[in-house]
C-alpha atoms as a PDB file:
ATOM      1  CA  MET A   1      -0.114   0.311  -0.112  1.00  0.00           C
ATOM      2  CA  LEU A   2       1.667   3.281  -1.115  1.00  0.00           C
ATOM      3  CA  ASN A   3       2.420   5.335   1.877  1.00  0.00           C
ATOM      4  CA  ILE A   4       3.394   9.338   2.057  1.00  0.00           C
ATOM      5  CA  LYS A   5       6.525   7.920   3.850  1.00  0.00           C
ATOM      6  CA  ASN A   6       7.726   5.789   0.756  1.00  0.00           C
ATOM      7  CA  ILE A   7       7.668   8.977  -1.803  1.00  0.00           C
ATOM      8  CA  ASP A   8      11.227   8.848  -3.101  1.00  0.00           C
ATOM      9  CA  LEU A   9      12.562  12.322  -5.205  1.00  0.00           C
ATOM     10  CA  THR A  10      16.005  11.302  -4.768  1.00  0.00           C
ATOM     11  CA  ILE A  11      18.058  12.145  -7.594  1.00  0.00           C
ATOM     12  CA  ASN A  12      21.452  11.358  -9.102  1.00  0.00           C
ATOM     13  CA  PRO A  13      23.190  14.396  -9.180  1.00  0.00           C
ATOM     14  CA  ASP A  14      26.070  14.056 -11.449  1.00  0.00           C
ATOM     15  CA  VAL A  15      23.217  12.508 -14.243  1.00  0.00           C
ATOM     16  CA  VAL A  16      21.421  15.342 -13.877  1.00  0.00           C
ATOM     17  CA  ARG A  17      24.316  17.845 -13.844  1.00  0.00           C
ATOM     18  CA  THR A  18      25.584  16.061 -17.479  1.00  0.00           C
ATOM     19  CA  ILE A  19      22.328  16.231 -18.713  1.00  0.00           C
ATOM     20  CA  LEU A  20      21.418  19.562 -17.897  1.00  0.00           C
ATOM     21  CA  THR A  21      24.668  21.649 -18.792  1.00  0.00           C
ATOM     22  CA  GLY A  22      24.232  19.908 -22.384  1.00  0.00           C
ATOM     23  CA  PHE A  23      20.720  20.872 -22.885  1.00  0.00           C
ATOM     24  CA  ILE A  24      21.672  24.713 -22.022  1.00  0.00           C
ATOM     25  CA  ARG A  25      25.016  24.155 -24.132  1.00  0.00           C
ATOM     26  CA  THR A  26      22.790  22.252 -27.149  1.00  0.00           C
ATOM     27  CA  GLU A  27      19.483  24.697 -26.626  1.00  0.00           C
ATOM     28  CA  LEU A  28      21.880  28.057 -27.373  1.00  0.00           C
ATOM     29  CA  THR A  29      23.756  26.945 -30.035  1.00  0.00           C
ATOM     30  CA  ARG A  30      21.205  24.951 -32.391  1.00  0.00           C
ATOM     31  CA  VAL A  31      20.044  28.722 -32.822  1.00  0.00           C
ATOM     32  CA  GLY A  32      23.339  30.496 -32.928  1.00  0.00           C
ATOM     33  CA  TYR A  33      24.452  31.690 -29.483  1.00  0.00           C
ATOM     34  CA  THR A  34      26.514  30.930 -27.005  1.00  0.00           C
ATOM     35  CA  ARG A  35      26.000  33.533 -24.090  1.00  0.00           C
ATOM     36  CA  ALA A  36      23.381  33.675 -21.528  1.00  0.00           C
ATOM     37  CA  VAL A  37      22.070  36.512 -19.316  1.00  0.00           C
ATOM     38  CA  ILE A  38      20.215  35.355 -15.562  1.00  0.00           C
ATOM     39  CA  GLY A  39      18.128  37.514 -13.198  1.00  0.00           C
ATOM     40  CA  LEU A  40      20.443  36.811  -9.970  1.00  0.00           C
ATOM     41  CA  SER A  41      18.175  36.911  -7.075  1.00  0.00           C
ATOM     42  CA  GLY A  42      20.513  35.351  -4.669  1.00  0.00           C
ATOM     43  CA  GLY A  43      18.172  32.830  -4.155  1.00  0.00           C
ATOM     44  CA  LEU A  44      18.439  28.980  -4.416  1.00  0.00           C
ATOM     45  CA  ASP A  45      17.389  28.543  -8.136  1.00  0.00           C
ATOM     46  CA  SER A  46      18.716  31.440  -9.544  1.00  0.00           C
ATOM     47  CA  ALA A  47      22.097  30.328  -8.386  1.00  0.00           C
ATOM     48  CA  ILE A  48      21.296  26.987  -9.417  1.00  0.00           C
ATOM     49  CA  SER A  49      20.916  28.243 -12.877  1.00  0.00           C
ATOM     50  CA  CYS A  50      24.253  30.673 -12.743  1.00  0.00           C
ATOM     51  CA  PHE A  51      26.075  27.703 -11.693  1.00  0.00           C
ATOM     52  CA  LEU A  52      25.169  24.914 -14.669  1.00  0.00           C
ATOM     53  CA  THR A  53      24.975  28.109 -17.304  1.00  0.00           C
ATOM     54  CA  ALA A  54      28.362  29.279 -16.708  1.00  0.00           C
ATOM     55  CA  GLU A  55      29.774  25.161 -16.435  1.00  0.00           C
ATOM     56  CA  ALA A  56      27.975  24.817 -19.980  1.00  0.00           C
ATOM     57  CA  LEU A  57      29.201  28.194 -21.847  1.00  0.00           C
ATOM     58  CA  GLY A  58      32.256  28.964 -19.478  1.00  0.00           C
ATOM     59  CA  PRO A  59      31.763  31.889 -16.952  1.00  0.00           C
ATOM     60  CA  GLU A  60      32.445  34.647 -19.486  1.00  0.00           C
ATOM     61  CA  ASN A  61      29.946  34.144 -21.513  1.00  0.00           C
ATOM     62  CA  VAL A  62      27.236  34.717 -18.580  1.00  0.00           C
ATOM     63  CA  LEU A  63      25.762  38.130 -17.255  1.00  0.00           C
ATOM     64  CA  ALA A  64      24.557  37.738 -13.976  1.00  0.00           C
ATOM     65  CA  VAL A  65      21.759  40.778 -13.529  1.00  0.00           C
ATOM     66  CA  ARG A  66      20.707  41.581  -9.985  1.00  0.00           C
ATOM     67  CA  MET A  67      17.946  43.673  -9.714  1.00  0.00           C
ATOM     68  CA  PRO A  68      16.971  44.755  -6.209  1.00  0.00           C
ATOM     69  CA  TYR A  69      14.075  47.248  -5.285  1.00  0.00           C
ATOM     70  CA  LYS A  70      14.197  49.657  -2.487  1.00  0.00           C
ATOM     71  CA  THR A  71      13.222  47.334   0.047  1.00  0.00           C
ATOM     72  CA  SER A  72      15.015  44.277  -0.818  1.00  0.00           C
ATOM     73  CA  SER A  73      16.451  42.446   1.350  1.00  0.00           C
ATOM     74  CA  PHE A  74      20.489  43.195   1.580  1.00  0.00           C
ATOM     75  CA  ASP A  75      20.942  39.596   2.026  1.00  0.00           C
ATOM     76  CA  SER A  76      20.086  39.016  -1.174  1.00  0.00           C
ATOM     77  CA  LEU A  77      22.247  41.242  -3.102  1.00  0.00           C
ATOM     78  CA  ASP A  78      25.357  39.647  -1.055  1.00  0.00           C
ATOM     79  CA  HIS A  79      24.408  36.575  -1.523  1.00  0.00           C
ATOM     80  CA  ALA A  80      23.965  37.178  -5.091  1.00  0.00           C
ATOM     81  CA  GLN A  81      27.445  38.426  -5.336  1.00  0.00           C
ATOM     82  CA  GLN A  82      28.722  35.345  -3.397  1.00  0.00           C
ATOM     83  CA  VAL A  83      28.107  33.184  -6.682  1.00  0.00           C
ATOM     84  CA  ILE A  84      29.349  35.884  -8.787  1.00  0.00           C
ATOM     85  CA  ASP A  85      32.258  36.056  -6.917  1.00  0.00           C
ATOM     86  CA  TYR A  86      32.794  32.277  -6.666  1.00  0.00           C
ATOM     87  CA  LEU A  87      31.806  32.025 -10.826  1.00  0.00           C
ATOM     88  CA  GLY A  88      33.635  34.526 -12.162  1.00  0.00           C
ATOM     89  CA  VAL A  89      30.775  35.605 -14.277  1.00  0.00           C
ATOM     90  CA  GLN A  90      30.006  38.804 -15.934  1.00  0.00           C
ATOM     91  CA  SER A  91      27.724  41.111 -13.969  1.00  0.00           C
ATOM     92  CA  MET A  92      25.394  44.004 -13.361  1.00  0.00           C
ATOM     93  CA  THR A  93      23.556  45.848 -10.715  1.00  0.00           C
ATOM     94  CA  PHE A  94      20.283  47.495 -12.238  1.00  0.00           C
ATOM     95  CA  GLU A  95      17.801  48.616  -9.342  1.00  0.00           C
ATOM     96  CA  ILE A  96      14.417  48.977 -10.415  1.00  0.00           C
ATOM     97  CA  THR A  97      12.710  51.080  -7.699  1.00  0.00           C
ATOM     98  CA  ASP A  98      12.219  54.005 -10.608  1.00  0.00           C
ATOM     99  CA  MET A  99      10.830  51.594 -13.164  1.00  0.00           C
ATOM    100  CA  VAL A 100       7.913  50.708 -10.783  1.00  0.00           C
ATOM    101  CA  GLU A 101       7.298  53.783  -8.449  1.00  0.00           C
ATOM    102  CA  PRO A 102       5.209  55.813 -10.865  1.00  0.00           C
ATOM    103  CA  LEU A 103       2.767  52.534 -11.233  1.00  0.00           C
ATOM    104  CA  PHE A 104       2.512  52.377  -7.752  1.00  0.00           C
ATOM    105  CA  THR A 105       1.821  56.208  -7.515  1.00  0.00           C
ATOM    106  CA  ARG A 106      -0.547  56.035  -9.588  1.00  0.00           C
ATOM    107  CA  PHE A 107      -2.212  53.046  -8.194  1.00  0.00           C
ATOM    108  CA  PRO A 108      -2.003  53.296  -4.402  1.00  0.00           C
ATOM    109  CA  GLU A 109      -4.544  50.943  -3.805  1.00  0.00           C
ATOM    110  CA  ALA A 110      -2.218  48.003  -5.727  1.00  0.00           C
ATOM    111  CA  ASN A 111      -2.154  45.513  -3.039  1.00  0.00           C
ATOM    112  CA  GLN A 112       0.978  43.128  -2.279  1.00  0.00           C
ATOM    113  CA  VAL A 113       0.768  40.676  -5.277  1.00  0.00           C
ATOM    114  CA  ARG A 114       0.263  43.678  -7.957  1.00  0.00           C
ATOM    115  CA  ARG A 115       2.951  45.478  -6.673  1.00  0.00           C
ATOM    116  CA  GLY A 116       4.706  41.947  -6.826  1.00  0.00           C
ATOM    117  CA  ASN A 117       3.728  41.093 -10.570  1.00  0.00           C
ATOM    118  CA  ALA A 118       4.988  44.834 -11.719  1.00  0.00           C
ATOM    119  CA  MET A 119       8.454  44.243  -9.767  1.00  0.00           C
ATOM    120  CA  ALA A 120       8.796  40.562 -11.858  1.00  0.00           C
ATOM    121  CA  ARG A 121       7.758  41.990 -14.577  1.00  0.00           C
ATOM    122  CA  ALA A 122      10.179  45.030 -15.093  1.00  0.00           C
ATOM    123  CA  ARG A 123      13.254  42.580 -13.635  1.00  0.00           C
ATOM    124  CA  MET A 124      12.292  41.073 -16.992  1.00  0.00           C
ATOM    125  CA  ILE A 125      12.175  43.970 -19.229  1.00  0.00           C
ATOM    126  CA  VAL A 126      15.682  44.381 -17.932  1.00  0.00           C
ATOM    127  CA  LEU A 127      16.939  41.203 -18.530  1.00  0.00           C
ATOM    128  CA  TYR A 128      15.542  41.031 -21.906  1.00  0.00           C
ATOM    129  CA  ASP A 129      16.957  44.612 -22.568  1.00  0.00           C
ATOM    130  CA  GLN A 130      20.743  42.855 -21.772  1.00  0.00           C
ATOM    131  CA  SER A 131      20.075  39.792 -23.544  1.00  0.00           C
ATOM    132  CA  GLU A 132      20.144  41.973 -26.469  1.00  0.00           C
ATOM    133  CA  ALA A 133      22.708  44.133 -25.693  1.00  0.00           C
ATOM    134  CA  PHE A 134      24.926  41.010 -24.472  1.00  0.00           C
ATOM    135  CA  HIS A 135      24.004  39.281 -27.912  1.00  0.00           C
ATOM    136  CA  SER A 136      22.597  36.240 -25.517  1.00  0.00           C
ATOM    137  CA  LEU A 137      19.282  34.434 -24.498  1.00  0.00           C
ATOM    138  CA  VAL A 138      17.671  34.548 -21.168  1.00  0.00           C
ATOM    139  CA  VAL A 139      17.855  31.144 -18.841  1.00  0.00           C
ATOM    140  CA  GLY A 140      15.369  30.618 -16.739  1.00  0.00           C
ATOM    141  CA  THR A 141      15.264  29.943 -13.019  1.00  0.00           C
ATOM    142  CA  SER A 142      11.444  28.645 -12.593  1.00  0.00           C
ATOM    143  CA  ASN A 143      11.447  25.025 -10.926  1.00  0.00           C
ATOM    144  CA  LYS A 144       8.798  22.457 -11.478  1.00  0.00           C
ATOM    145  CA  THR A 145       7.021  22.708  -8.137  1.00  0.00           C
ATOM    146  CA  GLU A 146       6.271  26.693  -8.836  1.00  0.00           C
ATOM    147  CA  ILE A 147       5.192  25.826 -12.430  1.00  0.00           C
ATOM    148  CA  LEU A 148       2.497  23.423 -11.952  1.00  0.00           C
ATOM    149  CA  LEU A 149       1.323  25.432  -9.023  1.00  0.00           C
ATOM    150  CA  GLY A 150       1.229  28.571 -10.901  1.00  0.00           C
ATOM    151  CA  TYR A 151       3.540  30.515  -8.251  1.00  0.00           C
ATOM    152  CA  SER A 152       5.208  32.951 -10.927  1.00  0.00           C
ATOM    153  CA  THR A 153       4.369  35.718 -12.923  1.00  0.00           C
ATOM    154  CA  LEU A 154       3.432  35.549 -16.455  1.00  0.00           C
ATOM    155  CA  TYR A 155       5.830  37.582 -18.597  1.00  0.00           C
ATOM    156  CA  GLY A 156       7.620  38.146 -15.452  1.00  0.00           C
ATOM    157  CA  ASP A 157       9.682  35.694 -13.633  1.00  0.00           C
ATOM    158  CA  SER A 158       8.376  32.940 -15.565  1.00  0.00           C
ATOM    159  CA  ALA A 159       9.580  34.623 -19.184  1.00  0.00           C
ATOM    160  CA  CYS A 160      12.943  32.396 -20.444  1.00  0.00           C
ATOM    161  CA  ALA A 161      14.249  31.120 -23.720  1.00  0.00           C
ATOM    162  CA  ILE A 162      15.405  28.005 -22.103  1.00  0.00           C
ATOM    163  CA  ASN A 163      14.613  26.548 -18.473  1.00  0.00           C
ATOM    164  CA  PRO A 164      17.322  23.785 -17.522  1.00  0.00           C
ATOM    165  CA  LEU A 165      15.284  23.876 -13.931  1.00  0.00           C
ATOM    166  CA  GLY A 166      11.603  23.153 -15.017  1.00  0.00           C
ATOM    167  CA  ASP A 167      11.653  19.541 -14.796  1.00  0.00           C
ATOM    168  CA  LEU A 168      13.231  19.495 -11.287  1.00  0.00           C
ATOM    169  CA  TYR A 169      11.005  19.821  -7.777  1.00  0.00           C
ATOM    170  CA  LYS A 170      12.073  21.985  -5.404  1.00  0.00           C
ATOM    171  CA  THR A 171      13.510  19.404  -3.083  1.00  0.00           C
ATOM    172  CA  GLN A 172      15.275  17.935  -6.043  1.00  0.00           C
ATOM    173  CA  LEU A 173      17.007  21.264  -6.882  1.00  0.00           C
ATOM    174  CA  ARG A 174      17.923  21.053  -2.905  1.00  0.00           C
ATOM    175  CA  GLN A 175      19.879  17.743  -3.887  1.00  0.00           C
ATOM    176  CA  LEU A 176      21.612  19.396  -7.038  1.00  0.00           C
ATOM    177  CA  ALA A 177      22.585  22.689  -5.159  1.00  0.00           C
ATOM    178  CA  GLN A 178      24.769  21.012  -2.751  1.00  0.00           C
ATOM    179  CA  ALA A 179      26.278  18.750  -5.492  1.00  0.00           C
ATOM    180  CA  LEU A 180      27.279  21.918  -7.367  1.00  0.00           C
ATOM    181  CA  GLY A 181      28.796  23.317  -4.007  1.00  0.00           C
ATOM    182  CA  ILE A 182      25.950  26.560  -3.647  1.00  0.00           C
ATOM    183  CA  PRO A 183      27.219  28.917  -0.791  1.00  0.00           C
ATOM    184  CA  GLU A 184      25.457  27.326   2.794  1.00  0.00           C
ATOM    185  CA  ALA A 185      24.197  30.837   3.436  1.00  0.00           C
ATOM    186  CA  ILE A 186      21.959  30.276   0.331  1.00  0.00           C
ATOM    187  CA  LEU A 187      21.109  26.757   0.980  1.00  0.00           C
ATOM    188  CA  SER A 188      19.605  27.678   4.125  1.00  0.00           C
ATOM    189  CA  LYS A 189      17.952  30.267   4.035  1.00  0.00           C
ATOM    190  CA  PRO A 190      13.874  30.153   3.784  1.00  0.00           C
ATOM    191  CA  PRO A 191      13.099  30.417   0.028  1.00  0.00           C
ATOM    192  CA  SER A 192      11.703  33.875  -0.951  1.00  0.00           C
ATOM    193  CA  ALA A 193      10.861  36.092  -4.158  1.00  0.00           C
ATOM    194  CA  ASP A 194      11.973  39.129  -1.854  1.00  0.00           C
ATOM    195  CA  LEU A 195       8.732  40.851  -3.263  1.00  0.00           C
ATOM    196  CA  TRP A 196       8.084  42.533   0.307  1.00  0.00           C
ATOM    197  CA  VAL A 197       9.940  42.612   3.720  1.00  0.00           C
ATOM    198  CA  GLY A 198       8.660  39.222   5.191  1.00  0.00           C
ATOM    199  CA  GLN A 199       7.541  37.564   2.474  1.00  0.00           C
ATOM    200  CA  THR A 200       8.372  33.421   2.435  1.00  0.00           C
ATOM    201  CA  ASP A 201       7.357  31.513  -0.776  1.00  0.00           C
ATOM    202  CA  GLU A 202       5.890  29.008   1.842  1.00  0.00           C
ATOM    203  CA  GLY A 203       4.349  31.331   4.307  1.00  0.00           C
ATOM    204  CA  GLU A 204       2.376  32.776   1.169  1.00  0.00           C
ATOM    205  CA  LEU A 205       1.712  29.123  -0.101  1.00  0.00           C
ATOM    206  CA  GLY A 206       0.670  27.749   2.952  1.00  0.00           C
ATOM    207  CA  PHE A 207       2.286  24.583   3.080  1.00  0.00           C
ATOM    208  CA  THR A 208       6.052  23.683   2.568  1.00  0.00           C
ATOM    209  CA  TYR A 209       8.002  22.472  -0.348  1.00  0.00           C
ATOM    210  CA  ALA A 210       9.123  19.099   1.291  1.00  0.00           C
ATOM    211  CA  GLU A 211       5.284  18.464   1.534  1.00  0.00           C
ATOM    212  CA  VAL A 212       3.882  19.681  -1.670  1.00  0.00           C
ATOM    213  CA  ASP A 213       6.275  17.994  -3.761  1.00  0.00           C
ATOM    214  CA  ARG A 214       5.693  14.590  -3.069  1.00  0.00           C
ATOM    215  CA  LEU A 215       1.951  15.003  -3.532  1.00  0.00           C
ATOM    216  CA  LEU A 216       3.002  16.380  -6.714  1.00  0.00           C
ATOM    217  CA  TYR A 217       4.985  13.739  -7.889  1.00  0.00           C
ATOM    218  CA  LEU A 218       2.304  11.197  -7.016  1.00  0.00           C
ATOM    219  CA  LEU A 219      -0.734  13.704  -9.318  1.00  0.00           C
ATOM    220  CA  VAL A 220       1.314  14.402 -11.960  1.00  0.00           C
ATOM    221  CA  ASP A 221       4.513  12.375 -12.477  1.00  0.00           C
ATOM    222  CA  GLN A 222       2.788   9.027 -11.280  1.00  0.00           C
ATOM    223  CA  ARG A 223      -0.363  10.001 -12.413  1.00  0.00           C
ATOM    224  CA  TYR A 224      -2.439   8.818  -9.193  1.00  0.00           C
ATOM    225  CA  SER A 225      -5.725   9.916  -8.347  1.00  0.00           C
ATOM    226  CA  ILE A 226      -7.195  12.360  -5.720  1.00  0.00           C
ATOM    227  CA  GLU A 227      -8.464   9.552  -3.884  1.00  0.00           C
ATOM    228  CA  ASP A 228      -5.265   7.959  -4.201  1.00  0.00           C
ATOM    229  CA  CYS A 229      -3.330  10.391  -2.163  1.00  0.00           C
ATOM    230  CA  ILE A 230      -5.518  10.770   0.328  1.00  0.00           C
ATOM    231  CA  GLU A 231      -5.570   6.992   1.216  1.00  0.00           C
ATOM    232  CA  ALA A 232      -1.643   7.420   0.994  1.00  0.00           C
ATOM    233  CA  GLY A 233      -2.356  10.100   3.809  1.00  0.00           C
ATOM    234  CA  PHE A 234      -2.211  13.073   2.411  1.00  0.00           C
ATOM    235  CA  ALA A 235      -5.132  15.376   4.099  1.00  0.00           C
ATOM    236  CA  PRO A 236      -8.201  15.695   2.010  1.00  0.00           C
ATOM    237  CA  ALA A 237      -8.266  19.234   1.912  1.00  0.00           C
ATOM    238  CA  PHE A 238      -4.907  19.449   1.189  1.00  0.00           C
ATOM    239  CA  VAL A 239      -5.083  17.633  -1.565  1.00  0.00           C
ATOM    240  CA  SER A 240      -8.061  19.077  -3.593  1.00  0.00           C
ATOM    241  CA  GLY A 241      -6.153  22.622  -3.164  1.00  0.00           C
ATOM    242  CA  VAL A 242      -2.887  21.704  -4.649  1.00  0.00           C
ATOM    243  CA  ALA A 243      -5.438  19.533  -7.621  1.00  0.00           C
ATOM    244  CA  LYS A 244      -7.071  23.185  -8.463  1.00  0.00           C
ATOM    245  CA  LYS A 245      -3.938  25.052  -8.539  1.00  0.00           C
ATOM    246  CA  ILE A 246      -2.563  22.891 -11.217  1.00  0.00           C
ATOM    247  CA  GLN A 247      -5.849  23.479 -13.262  1.00  0.00           C
ATOM    248  CA  ARG A 248      -6.352  26.522 -12.289  1.00  0.00           C
ATOM    249  CA  PHE A 249      -2.962  27.806 -13.311  1.00  0.00           C
ATOM    250  CA  HIS A 250      -2.519  25.462 -16.626  1.00  0.00           C
ATOM    251  CA  PHE A 251      -3.074  29.113 -18.413  1.00  0.00           C
ATOM    252  CA  LYS A 252       0.661  29.984 -17.252  1.00  0.00           C
ATOM    253  CA  ARG A 253       2.114  26.942 -18.964  1.00  0.00           C
ATOM    254  CA  LEU A 254       1.350  27.210 -22.378  1.00  0.00           C
ATOM    255  CA  MET A 255       1.700  29.990 -25.305  1.00  0.00           C
ATOM    256  CA  PRO A 256      -1.413  31.717 -25.903  1.00  0.00           C
ATOM    257  CA  PRO A 257      -3.955  29.678 -27.494  1.00  0.00           C
ATOM    258  CA  ILE A 258      -4.628  30.272 -31.069  1.00  0.00           C
ATOM    259  CA  ALA A 259      -7.743  29.882 -32.891  1.00  0.00           C
ATOM    260  CA  LYS A 260      -7.489  27.241 -35.490  1.00  0.00           C
ATOM    261  CA  LEU A 261      -8.609  28.429 -38.798  1.00  0.00           C
ATOM    262  CA  SER A 262      -5.993  26.844 -41.285  1.00  0.00           C
ATOM    263  CA  ASN A 263      -4.582  23.255 -41.012  1.00  0.00           C
ATOM    264  CA  ARG A 264      -1.179  24.403 -39.866  1.00  0.00           C
ATOM    265  CA  THR A 265      -1.868  26.398 -36.853  1.00  0.00           C
ATOM    266  CA  ILE A 266       0.933  27.524 -34.811  1.00  0.00           C
ATOM    267  CA  GLY A 267       0.504  25.163 -31.521  1.00  0.00           C
ATOM    268  CA  TYR A 268      -1.274  22.424 -32.882  1.00  0.00           C
ATOM    269  CA  ASP A 269      -0.053  21.476 -36.117  1.00  0.00           C
ATOM    270  CA  PHE A 270       2.925  23.858 -36.394  1.00  0.00           C
ATOM    271  CA  LEU A 271       4.719  22.692 -33.071  1.00  0.00           C
ATOM    272  CA  TYR A 272       7.407  19.932 -33.522  1.00  0.00           C
ATOM    273  CA  LEU A 273      11.303  20.672 -34.257  1.00  0.00           C
ATOM    274  CA  ARG A 274      10.279  17.994 -37.625  1.00  0.00           C
ATOM    275  CA  ASP A 275       7.986  21.318 -38.356  1.00  0.00           C
ATOM    276  CA  TRP A 276      10.494  23.870 -39.062  1.00  0.00           C
ATOM    277  CA  GLY A 277      13.145  21.918 -40.119  1.00  0.00           C
ATOM    278  CA  THR A 278      15.479  21.463 -36.706  1.00  0.00           C
END
């Protein structure tokens, strides 16, 4: 009988590392690029993306961009700098306060979610501008847990050209981070998008990554039913709440749907690599 305690999310970090560095190198070079730009927040996910990309392309071909807001944690800036110094990648710091403050002034009633979304999208403006200036592509930092739960900003932190981390749950990324030698200060701190003072991912979600990753693994990877997951020992309200998030935020995992009128519609019949001759 399935039991919560028997769910194993263990990965082989060496194999994963080889696959992901190869993925980064292959996907960039196949479209004519040899450089990458990454938004480096000081958190675990962006640090891992930066480590992998530097290994895949060489640190001189990676631009790490720190993009604080006026209330951003100094620790986040410091942790991002630790990664930059350790890897020897190129870097720049661009404060986004002046970009978003006019919007916040115009709409003072905007709640934290609206403000956080605006900051995430402002940061992506900076990254894509720098990708053109640096003749590079944007490498993403979103993990599988966030993508499935819709815990990202559409056209903000979810926007990228390639994403090496999107098929790894947060708890699996922690295993990879330890193998890569990510600084302990980053490994040990609570996950946070640093969108407002005191914000943490798990506080906002209402559950821990360790809890939800095991449930997502059953629902998504193993295709267990909601009833099976409850029988395995997960609380019914927790299972139904997570399942609803997966369903509700599916639109964030897709390109905008196109109304089909022809026999070769982008996203439907014009979809695979073979369709454009790659």
